[in-house]
Amino acid sequence: MIVARTERLEKEIVEHRLAYTCERCAHFEPISGRCASGYPNEDHREPGPEPRRSLVFCKEFELA
């Protein structure tokens, strides 16, 4: 699911401590940086220095 990154969403991420990136998922393999389920995860990883305009939520996300 793709969600536009808005000011409201940013506040809710902080307020509710929303975990949504691969690095916080039980299916993430930290050594390889890949998804254990085999899904492409480039759009689901923690953002780098350039903030993304949208967030991509994975249907397989399971909090680690």
PDB file of N, CA and C in Angstrom:
ATOM      1  N   MET A   1       0.852  -1.169   0.000  1.00  0.00           N
ATOM      2  CA  MET A   1       0.000   0.000   0.000  1.00  0.00           C
ATOM      3  C   MET A   1       0.898   1.232   0.000  1.00  0.00           C
ATOM      4  N   ILE A   2       0.582   2.179  -0.864  1.00  0.00           N
ATOM      5  CA  ILE A   2       1.349   3.419  -0.962  1.00  0.00           C
ATOM      6  C   ILE A   2       0.528   4.547  -0.347  1.00  0.00           C
ATOM      7  N   VAL A   3       1.147   5.295   0.559  1.00  0.00           N
ATOM      8  CA  VAL A   3       0.471   6.380   1.263  1.00  0.00           C
ATOM      9  C   VAL A   3       1.295   7.655   1.095  1.00  0.00           C
ATOM     10  N   ALA A   4       0.619   8.742   0.721  1.00  0.00           N
ATOM     11  CA  ALA A   4       1.305  10.027   0.586  1.00  0.00           C
ATOM     12  C   ALA A   4       1.831  10.473   1.943  1.00  0.00           C
ATOM     13  N   ARG A   5       3.030  11.013   1.931  1.00  0.00           N
ATOM     14  CA  ARG A   5       3.662  11.476   3.167  1.00  0.00           C
ATOM     15  C   ARG A   5       3.198  12.900   3.441  1.00  0.00           C
ATOM     16  N   THR A   6       2.361  13.053   4.444  1.00  0.00           N
ATOM     17  CA  THR A   6       1.819  14.359   4.785  1.00  0.00           C
ATOM     18  C   THR A   6       2.299  14.772   6.180  1.00  0.00           C
ATOM     19  N   GLU A   7       2.072  16.002   6.514  1.00  0.00           N
ATOM     20  CA  GLU A   7       2.437  16.490   7.842  1.00  0.00           C
ATOM     21  C   GLU A   7       1.677  15.707   8.918  1.00  0.00           C
ATOM     22  N   ARG A   8       0.420  15.424   8.659  1.00  0.00           N
ATOM     23  CA  ARG A   8      -0.385  14.653   9.612  1.00  0.00           C
ATOM     24  C   ARG A   8       0.194  13.250   9.811  1.00  0.00           C
ATOM     25  N   LEU A   9       0.568  12.604   8.719  1.00  0.00           N
ATOM     26  CA  LEU A   9       1.143  11.275   8.813  1.00  0.00           C
ATOM     27  C   LEU A   9       2.451  11.310   9.606  1.00  0.00           C
ATOM     28  N   GLU A  10       3.281  12.309   9.350  1.00  0.00           N
ATOM     29  CA  GLU A  10       4.542  12.435  10.078  1.00  0.00           C
ATOM     30  C   GLU A  10       4.295  12.542  11.581  1.00  0.00           C
ATOM     31  N   LYS A  11       3.292  13.325  11.976  1.00  0.00           N
ATOM     32  CA  LYS A  11       2.954  13.462  13.401  1.00  0.00           C
ATOM     33  C   LYS A  11       2.470  12.140  13.977  1.00  0.00           C
ATOM     34  N   GLU A  12       1.656  11.409  13.218  1.00  0.00           N
ATOM     35  CA  GLU A  12       1.132  10.133  13.689  1.00  0.00           C
ATOM     36  C   GLU A  12       2.232   9.077  13.804  1.00  0.00           C
ATOM     37  N   ILE A  13       3.209   9.109  12.914  1.00  0.00           N
ATOM     38  CA  ILE A  13       4.338   8.190  12.985  1.00  0.00           C
ATOM     39  C   ILE A  13       5.070   8.375  14.309  1.00  0.00           C
ATOM     40  N   VAL A  14       5.310   9.627  14.670  1.00  0.00           N
ATOM     41  CA  VAL A  14       6.003   9.928  15.925  1.00  0.00           C
ATOM     42  C   VAL A  14       5.116   9.597  17.118  1.00  0.00           C
ATOM     43  N   GLU A  15       3.882  10.067  17.084  1.00  0.00           N
ATOM     44  CA  GLU A  15       2.960   9.892  18.209  1.00  0.00           C
ATOM     45  C   GLU A  15       2.694   8.420  18.540  1.00  0.00           C
ATOM     46  N   HIS A  16       2.512   7.614  17.525  1.00  0.00           N
ATOM     47  CA  HIS A  16       2.161   6.206  17.732  1.00  0.00           C
ATOM     48  C   HIS A  16       3.354   5.260  17.571  1.00  0.00           C
ATOM     49  N   ARG A  17       4.538   5.864  17.351  1.00  0.00           N
ATOM     50  CA  ARG A  17       5.762   5.070  17.139  1.00  0.00           C
ATOM     51  C   ARG A  17       5.549   3.995  16.076  1.00  0.00           C
ATOM     52  N   LEU A  18       5.017   4.427  14.962  1.00  0.00           N
ATOM     53  CA  LEU A  18       4.691   3.526  13.862  1.00  0.00           C
ATOM     54  C   LEU A  18       5.940   2.866  13.297  1.00  0.00           C
ATOM     55  N   ALA A  19       5.944   1.549  13.281  1.00  0.00           N
ATOM     56  CA  ALA A  19       7.035   0.770  12.692  1.00  0.00           C
ATOM     57  C   ALA A  19       6.536   0.262  11.345  1.00  0.00           C
ATOM     58  N   TYR A  20       7.286   0.531  10.285  1.00  0.00           N
ATOM     59  CA  TYR A  20       6.796   0.160   8.955  1.00  0.00           C
ATOM     60  C   TYR A  20       7.916  -0.205   7.985  1.00  0.00           C
ATOM     61  N   THR A  21       9.162  -0.081   8.390  1.00  0.00           N
ATOM     62  CA  THR A  21      10.262  -0.350   7.468  1.00  0.00           C
ATOM     63  C   THR A  21      10.762  -1.789   7.595  1.00  0.00           C
ATOM     64  N   CYS A  22      11.442  -2.237   6.578  1.00  0.00           N
ATOM     65  CA  CYS A  22      11.985  -3.605   6.570  1.00  0.00           C
ATOM     66  C   CYS A  22      12.848  -3.879   7.790  1.00  0.00           C
ATOM     67  N   GLU A  23      13.617  -2.879   8.176  1.00  0.00           N
ATOM     68  CA  GLU A  23      14.533  -3.059   9.293  1.00  0.00           C
ATOM     69  C   GLU A  23      13.810  -3.398  10.593  1.00  0.00           C
ATOM     70  N   ARG A  24      12.540  -3.113  10.686  1.00  0.00           N
ATOM     71  CA  ARG A  24      11.743  -3.412  11.883  1.00  0.00           C
ATOM     72  C   ARG A  24      10.888  -4.667  11.718  1.00  0.00           C
ATOM     73  N   CYS A  25      11.013  -5.332  10.579  1.00  0.00           N
ATOM     74  CA  CYS A  25      10.177  -6.489  10.252  1.00  0.00           C
ATOM     75  C   CYS A  25      10.877  -7.804  10.608  1.00  0.00           C
ATOM     76  N   ALA A  26      10.101  -8.773  11.063  1.00  0.00           N
ATOM     77  CA  ALA A  26      10.630 -10.094  11.409  1.00  0.00           C
ATOM     78  C   ALA A  26      11.155 -10.842  10.197  1.00  0.00           C
ATOM     79  N   HIS A  27      10.732 -10.476   8.999  1.00  0.00           N
ATOM     80  CA  HIS A  27      11.161 -11.149   7.771  1.00  0.00           C
ATOM     81  C   HIS A  27      12.432 -10.544   7.167  1.00  0.00           C
ATOM     82  N   PHE A  28      12.970  -9.518   7.793  1.00  0.00           N
ATOM     83  CA  PHE A  28      14.162  -8.843   7.267  1.00  0.00           C
ATOM     84  C   PHE A  28      15.417  -9.603   7.656  1.00  0.00           C
ATOM     85  N   GLU A  29      16.299  -9.796   6.689  1.00  0.00           N
ATOM     86  CA  GLU A  29      17.584 -10.439   6.932  1.00  0.00           C
ATOM     87  C   GLU A  29      18.664  -9.364   6.951  1.00  0.00           C
ATOM     88  N   PRO A  30      19.106  -8.954   8.132  1.00  0.00           N
ATOM     89  CA  PRO A  30      20.019  -7.816   8.237  1.00  0.00           C
ATOM     90  C   PRO A  30      21.358  -8.001   7.522  1.00  0.00           C
ATOM     91  N   ILE A  31      21.877  -9.202   7.472  1.00  0.00           N
ATOM     92  CA  ILE A  31      23.178  -9.409   6.841  1.00  0.00           C
ATOM     93  C   ILE A  31      23.103  -9.170   5.334  1.00  0.00           C
ATOM     94  N   SER A  32      22.085  -9.712   4.701  1.00  0.00           N
ATOM     95  CA  SER A  32      21.939  -9.549   3.248  1.00  0.00           C
ATOM     96  C   SER A  32      21.152  -8.297   2.875  1.00  0.00           C
ATOM     97  N   GLY A  33      20.343  -7.784   3.819  1.00  0.00           N
ATOM     98  CA  GLY A  33      19.482  -6.636   3.523  1.00  0.00           C
ATOM     99  C   GLY A  33      18.256  -7.018   2.725  1.00  0.00           C
ATOM    100  N   ARG A  34      17.982  -8.305   2.638  1.00  0.00           N
ATOM    101  CA  ARG A  34      16.862  -8.803   1.835  1.00  0.00           C
ATOM    102  C   ARG A  34      15.688  -9.240   2.699  1.00  0.00           C
ATOM    103  N   CYS A  35      14.573  -9.429   2.021  1.00  0.00           N
ATOM    104  CA  CYS A  35      13.366  -9.943   2.654  1.00  0.00           C
ATOM    105  C   CYS A  35      13.425 -11.471   2.617  1.00  0.00           C
ATOM    106  N   ALA A  36      13.198 -12.113   3.763  1.00  0.00           N
ATOM    107  CA  ALA A  36      13.222 -13.578   3.829  1.00  0.00           C
ATOM    108  C   ALA A  36      12.109 -14.194   2.989  1.00  0.00           C
ATOM    109  N   SER A  37      11.056 -13.441   2.720  1.00  0.00           N
ATOM    110  CA  SER A  37       9.950 -13.932   1.898  1.00  0.00           C
ATOM    111  C   SER A  37      10.221 -13.742   0.406  1.00  0.00           C
ATOM    112  N   GLY A  38      11.329 -13.100   0.075  1.00  0.00           N
ATOM    113  CA  GLY A  38      11.707 -12.923  -1.321  1.00  0.00           C
ATOM    114  C   GLY A  38      11.124 -11.700  -2.006  1.00  0.00           C
ATOM    115  N   TYR A  39      10.452 -10.840  -1.258  1.00  0.00           N
ATOM    116  CA  TYR A  39       9.871  -9.649  -1.871  1.00  0.00           C
ATOM    117  C   TYR A  39      10.938  -8.596  -2.129  1.00  0.00           C
ATOM    118  N   PRO A  40      10.796  -7.842  -3.211  1.00  0.00           N
ATOM    119  CA  PRO A  40      11.714  -6.710  -3.406  1.00  0.00           C
ATOM    120  C   PRO A  40      11.448  -5.697  -2.296  1.00  0.00           C
ATOM    121  N   ASN A  41      12.493  -5.146  -1.710  1.00  0.00           N
ATOM    122  CA  ASN A  41      12.263  -4.289  -0.549  1.00  0.00           C
ATOM    123  C   ASN A  41      12.891  -2.898  -0.637  1.00  0.00           C
ATOM    124  N   GLU A  42      13.319  -2.495  -1.799  1.00  0.00           N
ATOM    125  CA  GLU A  42      13.953  -1.188  -1.928  1.00  0.00           C
ATOM    126  C   GLU A  42      13.048  -0.052  -1.428  1.00  0.00           C
ATOM    127  N   ASP A  43      11.769  -0.118  -1.734  1.00  0.00           N
ATOM    128  CA  ASP A  43      10.830   0.942  -1.342  1.00  0.00           C
ATOM    129  C   ASP A  43      10.384   0.832   0.111  1.00  0.00           C
ATOM    130  N   HIS A  44      10.733  -0.247   0.776  1.00  0.00           N
ATOM    131  CA  HIS A  44      10.264  -0.480   2.146  1.00  0.00           C
ATOM    132  C   HIS A  44      11.349  -0.236   3.182  1.00  0.00           C
ATOM    133  N   ARG A  45      12.572   0.007   2.711  1.00  0.00           N
ATOM    134  CA  ARG A  45      13.703   0.198   3.622  1.00  0.00           C
ATOM    135  C   ARG A  45      13.641   1.568   4.273  1.00  0.00           C
ATOM    136  N   GLU A  46      14.406   1.730   5.343  1.00  0.00           N
ATOM    137  CA  GLU A  46      14.467   3.027   6.015  1.00  0.00           C
ATOM    138  C   GLU A  46      14.995   4.061   5.030  1.00  0.00           C
ATOM    139  N   PRO A  47      14.389   5.241   5.018  1.00  0.00           N
ATOM    140  CA  PRO A  47      14.812   6.257   4.047  1.00  0.00           C
ATOM    141  C   PRO A  47      16.219   6.765   4.337  1.00  0.00           C
ATOM    142  N   GLY A  48      16.903   7.143   3.277  1.00  0.00           N
ATOM    143  CA  GLY A  48      18.240   7.718   3.407  1.00  0.00           C
ATOM    144  C   GLY A  48      18.134   9.213   3.678  1.00  0.00           C
ATOM    145  N   PRO A  49      19.140   9.954   3.265  1.00  0.00           N
ATOM    146  CA  PRO A  49      19.142  11.397   3.525  1.00  0.00           C
ATOM    147  C   PRO A  49      18.040  12.147   2.782  1.00  0.00           C
ATOM    148  N   GLU A  50      17.598  11.616   1.660  1.00  0.00           N
ATOM    149  CA  GLU A  50      16.512  12.251   0.905  1.00  0.00           C
ATOM    150  C   GLU A  50      15.176  11.672   1.367  1.00  0.00           C
ATOM    151  N   PRO A  51      14.316  12.480   1.987  1.00  0.00           N
ATOM    152  CA  PRO A  51      13.016  11.951   2.418  1.00  0.00           C
ATOM    153  C   PRO A  51      12.148  11.566   1.222  1.00  0.00           C
ATOM    154  N   ARG A  52      11.399  10.512   1.381  1.00  0.00           N
ATOM    155  CA  ARG A  52      10.504  10.054   0.315  1.00  0.00           C
ATOM    156  C   ARG A  52       9.187  10.820   0.360  1.00  0.00           C
ATOM    157  N   ARG A  53       8.560  10.937  -0.790  1.00  0.00           N
ATOM    158  CA  ARG A  53       7.269  11.644  -0.863  1.00  0.00           C
ATOM    159  C   ARG A  53       6.113  10.750  -0.449  1.00  0.00           C
ATOM    160  N   SER A  54       6.365   9.447  -0.422  1.00  0.00           N
ATOM    161  CA  SER A  54       5.322   8.512  -0.019  1.00  0.00           C
ATOM    162  C   SER A  54       5.943   7.370   0.774  1.00  0.00           C
ATOM    163  N   LEU A  55       5.107   6.682   1.532  1.00  0.00           N
ATOM    164  CA  LEU A  55       5.532   5.507   2.270  1.00  0.00           C
ATOM    165  C   LEU A  55       4.907   4.294   1.609  1.00  0.00           C
ATOM    166  N   VAL A  56       5.673   3.235   1.514  1.00  0.00           N
ATOM    167  CA  VAL A  56       5.187   2.002   0.912  1.00  0.00           C
ATOM    168  C   VAL A  56       5.130   0.965   2.026  1.00  0.00           C
ATOM    169  N   PHE A  57       3.930   0.527   2.346  1.00  0.00           N
ATOM    170  CA  PHE A  57       3.732  -0.462   3.394  1.00  0.00           C
ATOM    171  C   PHE A  57       3.659  -1.847   2.771  1.00  0.00           C
ATOM    172  N   CYS A  58       4.322  -2.802   3.397  1.00  0.00           N
ATOM    173  CA  CYS A  58       4.364  -4.171   2.909  1.00  0.00           C
ATOM    174  C   CYS A  58       3.240  -4.998   3.530  1.00  0.00           C
ATOM    175  N   LYS A  59       2.588  -5.822   2.721  1.00  0.00           N
ATOM    176  CA  LYS A  59       1.506  -6.658   3.233  1.00  0.00           C
ATOM    177  C   LYS A  59       2.015  -7.791   4.105  1.00  0.00           C
ATOM    178  N   GLU A  60       3.309  -8.097   4.032  1.00  0.00           N
ATOM    179  CA  GLU A  60       3.899  -9.182   4.809  1.00  0.00           C
ATOM    180  C   GLU A  60       4.541  -8.680   6.115  1.00  0.00           C
ATOM    181  N   PHE A  61       4.474  -7.385   6.384  1.00  0.00           N
ATOM    182  CA  PHE A  61       5.156  -6.831   7.566  1.00  0.00           C
ATOM    183  C   PHE A  61       4.687  -7.512   8.833  1.00  0.00           C
ATOM    184  N   GLU A  62       5.664  -7.926   9.619  1.00  0.00           N
ATOM    185  CA  GLU A  62       5.390  -8.519  10.927  1.00  0.00           C
ATOM    186  C   GLU A  62       6.410  -7.935  11.886  1.00  0.00           C
ATOM    187  N   LEU A  63       5.935  -7.252  12.901  1.00  0.00           N
ATOM    188  CA  LEU A  63       6.825  -6.564  13.832  1.00  0.00           C
ATOM    189  C   LEU A  63       7.789  -7.547  14.477  1.00  0.00           C
ATOM    190  N   ALA A  64       9.063  -7.204  14.426  1.00  0.00           N
ATOM    191  CA  ALA A  64      10.101  -8.068  15.004  1.00  0.00           C
ATOM    192  C   ALA A  64      10.155  -7.896  16.517  1.00  0.00           C
TER     193      ALA A  64
END
